[in-house]
Amino acid sequence: MYWVKTPHFIQSLFPHFTWRIPTQEKELYLTFDDGPIPEVTPWVLEQLEAYQAKATFFCVGDNIRKHPEVFQQVLKAGHSVGNHTFNHLNGWSADNLVYLRNIRKCATQVRNPLFRPPYGKMKPKQAQFLQRHYRIVMWDILSGDFDPDVTPEQCLANVINNAGPGSIIVFHDSLKAESKLTYALPKVLEHFSAEGYSFQALKTQSEPKSTGLLKIA
């Protein structure tokens, strides 16, 4: 079970996480998790370029290792990148030290203090430690493109009906999400561009806490 739009009471329980960008400007923040992969990520970049849109890619380190040329395409296009662990680990089921070391392994390739936990799941001690080194980015809107029970039309409606100024929206540049992503993303870009929105990449805080290379035992 998950919320398409993260309730305010959940956001208020974790005020140190970034759930949305506080703005009244017509700006949206598209994010793409789990890539980069050659089957999907270059197509995403083409769609974004068509609308002069910038986005943030939360990358799995092992995918960067396997597809470094695709990762370089993301960087050369001027998008932001963030750490999504090296092996897409679930923090709830991972030993704390194993989890943090996995993040550090990814950080040797993603030298940027933006981090999104896979599945949005972290133990309190993991989060407490990571907050000292990272801007932990969650989301305002889940498209549901990862959900096999969601149709492409529902995926589109999840975004169109819920996003507003400052929303951080989650898509996935993955094979699992491909059929819904390829339907919904062009229509999201077209709809909100017609409404006068721009699409921005997430930035690090004005004084980044670190390069993402955690100092752990």
Protein backbone atom coordinates (compact mmCIF):
# COMPACT_ATOMS: atom_id res chain seq x y z
CA MET A 1 0.00 0.00 0.00
CA TYR A 2 1.20 3.51 -0.77
CA TRP A 3 -0.14 7.04 -1.09
CA VAL A 4 -0.13 8.67 -4.51
CA LYS A 5 0.09 12.04 -2.77
CA THR A 6 2.07 11.97 0.46
CA PRO A 7 -0.18 13.26 3.28
CA HIS A 8 0.92 16.40 5.09
CA PHE A 9 0.92 14.60 8.42
CA ILE A 10 3.51 12.13 7.10
CA GLN A 11 5.63 14.97 5.79
CA SER A 12 5.40 16.74 9.14
CA LEU A 13 6.66 13.65 10.98
CA PHE A 14 9.94 13.85 9.07
CA PRO A 15 10.58 17.57 8.63
CA HIS A 16 14.27 17.13 7.82
CA PHE A 17 13.45 15.20 4.64
CA THR A 18 12.67 17.06 1.41
CA TRP A 19 9.13 16.18 0.30
CA ARG A 20 8.42 19.10 -2.00
CA ILE A 21 9.94 22.47 -2.84
CA PRO A 22 8.24 25.39 -1.05
CA THR A 23 7.26 27.68 -3.90
CA GLN A 24 4.23 29.29 -5.47
CA GLU A 25 5.92 29.38 -8.85
CA LYS A 26 4.73 27.01 -11.55
CA GLU A 27 7.64 24.62 -11.15
CA LEU A 28 7.65 20.84 -11.00
CA TYR A 29 10.47 18.49 -10.04
CA LEU A 30 10.50 15.26 -12.00
CA THR A 31 12.65 12.49 -10.55
CA PHE A 32 13.58 9.13 -12.04
CA ASP A 33 14.67 6.21 -9.85
CA ASP A 34 16.57 2.96 -10.44
CA GLY A 35 18.51 3.71 -13.65
CA PRO A 36 20.52 4.32 -15.62
CA ILE A 37 19.80 1.63 -18.19
CA PRO A 38 20.21 1.79 -22.00
CA GLU A 39 16.71 0.49 -22.72
CA VAL A 40 14.88 3.36 -21.00
CA THR A 41 17.07 6.23 -19.77
CA PRO A 42 18.09 7.63 -23.21
CA TRP A 43 14.40 7.72 -24.19
CA VAL A 44 13.63 9.69 -21.02
CA LEU A 45 16.39 12.16 -21.89
CA GLU A 46 14.87 12.67 -25.35
CA GLN A 47 11.45 13.42 -23.87
CA LEU A 48 12.91 15.91 -21.41
CA GLU A 49 14.96 17.64 -24.08
CA ALA A 50 11.87 18.14 -26.25
CA TYR A 51 10.39 20.34 -23.51
CA GLN A 52 13.66 21.89 -22.27
CA ALA A 53 12.94 20.11 -19.00
CA LYS A 54 15.49 19.34 -16.32
CA ALA A 55 15.09 16.46 -13.88
CA THR A 56 16.87 14.51 -11.16
CA PHE A 57 17.98 10.90 -11.59
CA PHE A 58 18.43 8.82 -8.43
CA CYS A 59 20.87 6.24 -9.71
CA VAL A 60 21.65 2.72 -8.57
CA GLY A 61 25.42 2.41 -8.39
CA ASP A 62 25.55 -1.04 -9.98
CA ASN A 63 23.65 0.28 -13.00
CA ILE A 64 26.20 3.08 -13.34
CA ARG A 65 28.94 0.45 -13.20
CA LYS A 66 27.27 -1.56 -15.96
CA HIS A 67 26.22 1.41 -18.12
CA PRO A 68 28.69 4.27 -17.56
CA GLU A 69 27.99 5.73 -21.00
CA VAL A 70 24.29 6.17 -20.17
CA PHE A 71 25.19 7.86 -16.87
CA GLN A 72 27.41 10.27 -18.79
CA GLN A 73 24.49 11.09 -21.10
CA VAL A 74 22.45 12.13 -18.06
CA LEU A 75 25.24 14.39 -16.80
CA LYS A 76 25.97 15.92 -20.20
CA ALA A 77 22.28 16.80 -20.61
CA GLY A 78 22.54 18.96 -17.47
CA HIS A 79 20.36 16.94 -15.13
CA SER A 80 20.99 16.40 -11.44
CA VAL A 81 21.89 12.99 -10.07
CA GLY A 82 21.46 11.44 -6.63
CA ASN A 83 22.48 8.34 -4.71
CA HIS A 84 19.99 5.44 -4.63
CA THR A 85 22.39 2.91 -3.01
CA PHE A 86 24.64 0.59 -5.00
CA ASN A 87 22.30 -2.41 -4.99
CA HIS A 88 18.85 -0.88 -4.39
CA LEU A 89 18.81 -1.97 -0.76
CA ASN A 90 15.75 -1.83 1.46
CA GLY A 91 16.90 -0.06 4.62
CA TRP A 92 14.28 -1.80 6.77
CA SER A 93 15.73 -5.23 6.02
CA ALA A 94 19.42 -4.30 5.82
CA ASP A 95 21.93 -4.20 8.63
CA ASN A 96 22.82 -0.57 9.35
CA LEU A 97 26.51 -0.92 8.57
CA VAL A 98 25.84 -2.91 5.39
CA TYR A 99 23.34 -0.26 4.27
CA LEU A 100 25.65 2.68 4.89
CA ARG A 101 28.58 0.97 3.21
CA ASN A 102 26.37 0.27 0.18
CA ILE A 103 25.50 3.96 -0.02
CA ARG A 104 29.16 4.86 0.27
CA LYS A 105 29.98 2.48 -2.58
CA CYS A 106 27.45 4.28 -4.77
CA ALA A 107 28.90 7.62 -3.66
CA THR A 108 32.22 6.81 -5.35
CA GLN A 109 30.29 7.31 -8.61
CA VAL A 110 27.55 9.77 -7.58
CA ARG A 111 29.46 12.55 -5.85
CA ASN A 112 26.43 14.58 -4.95
CA PRO A 113 24.76 14.90 -1.52
CA LEU A 114 21.28 14.05 -2.77
CA PHE A 115 19.99 10.70 -1.51
CA ARG A 116 16.71 8.85 -1.92
CA PRO A 117 16.21 5.57 -0.03
CA PRO A 118 14.90 2.73 -2.20
CA TYR A 119 11.22 2.08 -1.40
CA GLY A 120 11.39 5.19 0.83
CA LYS A 121 12.43 2.89 3.68
CA MET A 122 15.09 3.64 6.29
CA LYS A 123 15.55 2.73 9.93
CA PRO A 124 15.69 5.71 12.33
CA LYS A 125 19.41 5.27 13.02
CA GLN A 126 20.15 5.08 9.30
CA ALA A 127 18.25 8.29 8.68
CA GLN A 128 19.87 10.07 11.62
CA PHE A 129 23.33 9.27 10.31
CA LEU A 130 22.56 10.07 6.68
CA GLN A 131 21.03 13.45 7.54
CA ARG A 132 24.46 14.64 8.59
CA HIS A 133 25.84 13.97 5.11
CA TYR A 134 22.94 14.12 2.67
CA ARG A 135 19.87 15.98 1.61
CA ILE A 136 17.35 13.13 1.88
CA VAL A 137 14.80 13.56 -0.90
CA MET A 138 11.44 11.83 -0.67
CA TRP A 139 8.42 12.88 -2.77
CA ASP A 140 5.10 14.64 -2.95
CA ILE A 141 3.65 12.51 -5.78
CA LEU A 142 4.13 8.84 -6.71
CA SER A 143 3.14 8.14 -10.30
CA GLY A 144 2.67 4.43 -9.56
CA ASP A 145 4.53 3.41 -12.71
CA PHE A 146 6.17 0.58 -10.72
CA ASP A 147 2.82 -0.95 -9.73
CA PRO A 148 1.62 -3.85 -11.92
CA ASP A 149 -1.97 -3.15 -10.87
CA VAL A 150 -1.88 0.44 -12.14
CA THR A 151 -2.83 1.08 -15.76
CA PRO A 152 -0.95 3.59 -17.91
CA GLU A 153 -4.01 5.84 -17.79
CA GLN A 154 -4.11 5.69 -13.98
CA CYS A 155 -0.41 6.45 -13.82
CA LEU A 156 -0.98 9.60 -15.86
CA ALA A 157 -4.00 10.60 -13.77
CA ASN A 158 -2.02 10.13 -10.55
CA VAL A 159 0.29 12.92 -11.65
CA ILE A 160 -2.12 15.21 -13.50
CA ASN A 161 -4.69 15.22 -10.70
CA ASN A 162 -2.31 15.71 -7.78
CA ALA A 163 0.78 17.70 -8.80
CA GLY A 164 1.08 21.41 -8.14
CA PRO A 165 3.72 24.09 -7.60
CA GLY A 166 6.83 22.58 -6.03
CA SER A 167 5.75 18.94 -6.32
CA ILE A 168 8.50 16.32 -6.41
CA ILE A 169 7.21 13.55 -8.70
CA VAL A 170 8.56 10.00 -8.86
CA PHE A 171 8.90 8.02 -12.06
CA HIS A 172 11.25 5.10 -12.72
CA ASP A 173 13.62 4.69 -15.68
CA SER A 174 13.40 0.92 -15.37
CA LEU A 175 12.15 -1.99 -17.44
CA LYS A 176 9.48 -2.73 -14.85
CA ALA A 177 7.98 0.74 -15.28
CA GLU A 178 8.63 1.15 -19.02
CA SER A 179 5.13 0.54 -20.39
CA LYS A 180 3.51 3.05 -18.04
CA LEU A 181 6.37 5.54 -18.21
CA THR A 182 6.32 5.70 -22.00
CA TYR A 183 2.59 6.42 -21.92
CA ALA A 184 2.52 8.91 -19.07
CA LEU A 185 5.72 10.96 -19.26
CA PRO A 186 5.16 12.64 -22.65
CA LYS A 187 1.61 13.51 -21.65
CA VAL A 188 2.74 14.92 -18.28
CA LEU A 189 5.31 17.10 -20.02
CA GLU A 190 2.77 18.26 -22.59
CA HIS A 191 -0.02 18.93 -20.07
CA PHE A 192 1.98 20.92 -17.55
CA SER A 193 3.94 22.81 -20.20
CA ALA A 194 0.62 23.97 -21.66
CA GLU A 195 -0.36 25.09 -18.15
CA GLY A 196 2.74 27.28 -17.97
CA TYR A 197 4.88 25.04 -15.76
CA SER A 198 8.62 24.54 -16.04
CA PHE A 199 10.48 21.41 -14.99
CA GLN A 200 13.48 21.90 -12.72
CA ALA A 201 16.26 19.72 -11.37
CA LEU A 202 16.72 19.43 -7.64
CA LYS A 203 19.74 21.22 -6.26
CA THR A 204 21.93 20.48 -3.31
CA GLN A 205 21.63 22.78 -0.32
CA SER A 206 23.54 26.03 -0.65
CA GLU A 207 26.34 24.60 1.47
CA PRO A 208 26.46 20.86 0.73
CA LYS A 209 27.07 18.76 3.81
CA SER A 210 29.53 16.49 1.98
CA THR A 211 30.41 14.89 -1.33
CA GLY A 212 28.46 11.85 -0.22
CA LEU A 213 31.54 9.87 0.83
CA LEU A 214 30.44 8.74 4.27
CA LYS A 215 32.97 8.32 7.01
CA ILE A 216 31.99 4.98 8.50
CA ALA A 217 33.86 2.11 10.11
